[in-house]
Amino acid sequence: MAKLKITQTRSAIGQSPAHRGTLRALGLGKIGRTAEHKESPTLAGMLRKVRHLVSVEGGSEPNA
């Protein structure tokens, strides 16, 4: 399994509570904060939900 490096690039202000919760579950919460996770179907779904707020490096990125 590949490791993905996820960085928050946009603010969660004005986003839905579900999007803010997803960012927190990913270990993010401030712009510029980075977290590493193993690639999985669950992670892919979380990234699809907040793809407009984060950037992803490494592995194969989910299709937008």
Foldseek 3Di string as FASTA:
>chain_A
DKKKKKFFADACVPPDPVLCVLCVVQVHHDHGDIDIDDDDPVVLVSCVVNVVGMDMDIDDHDDD
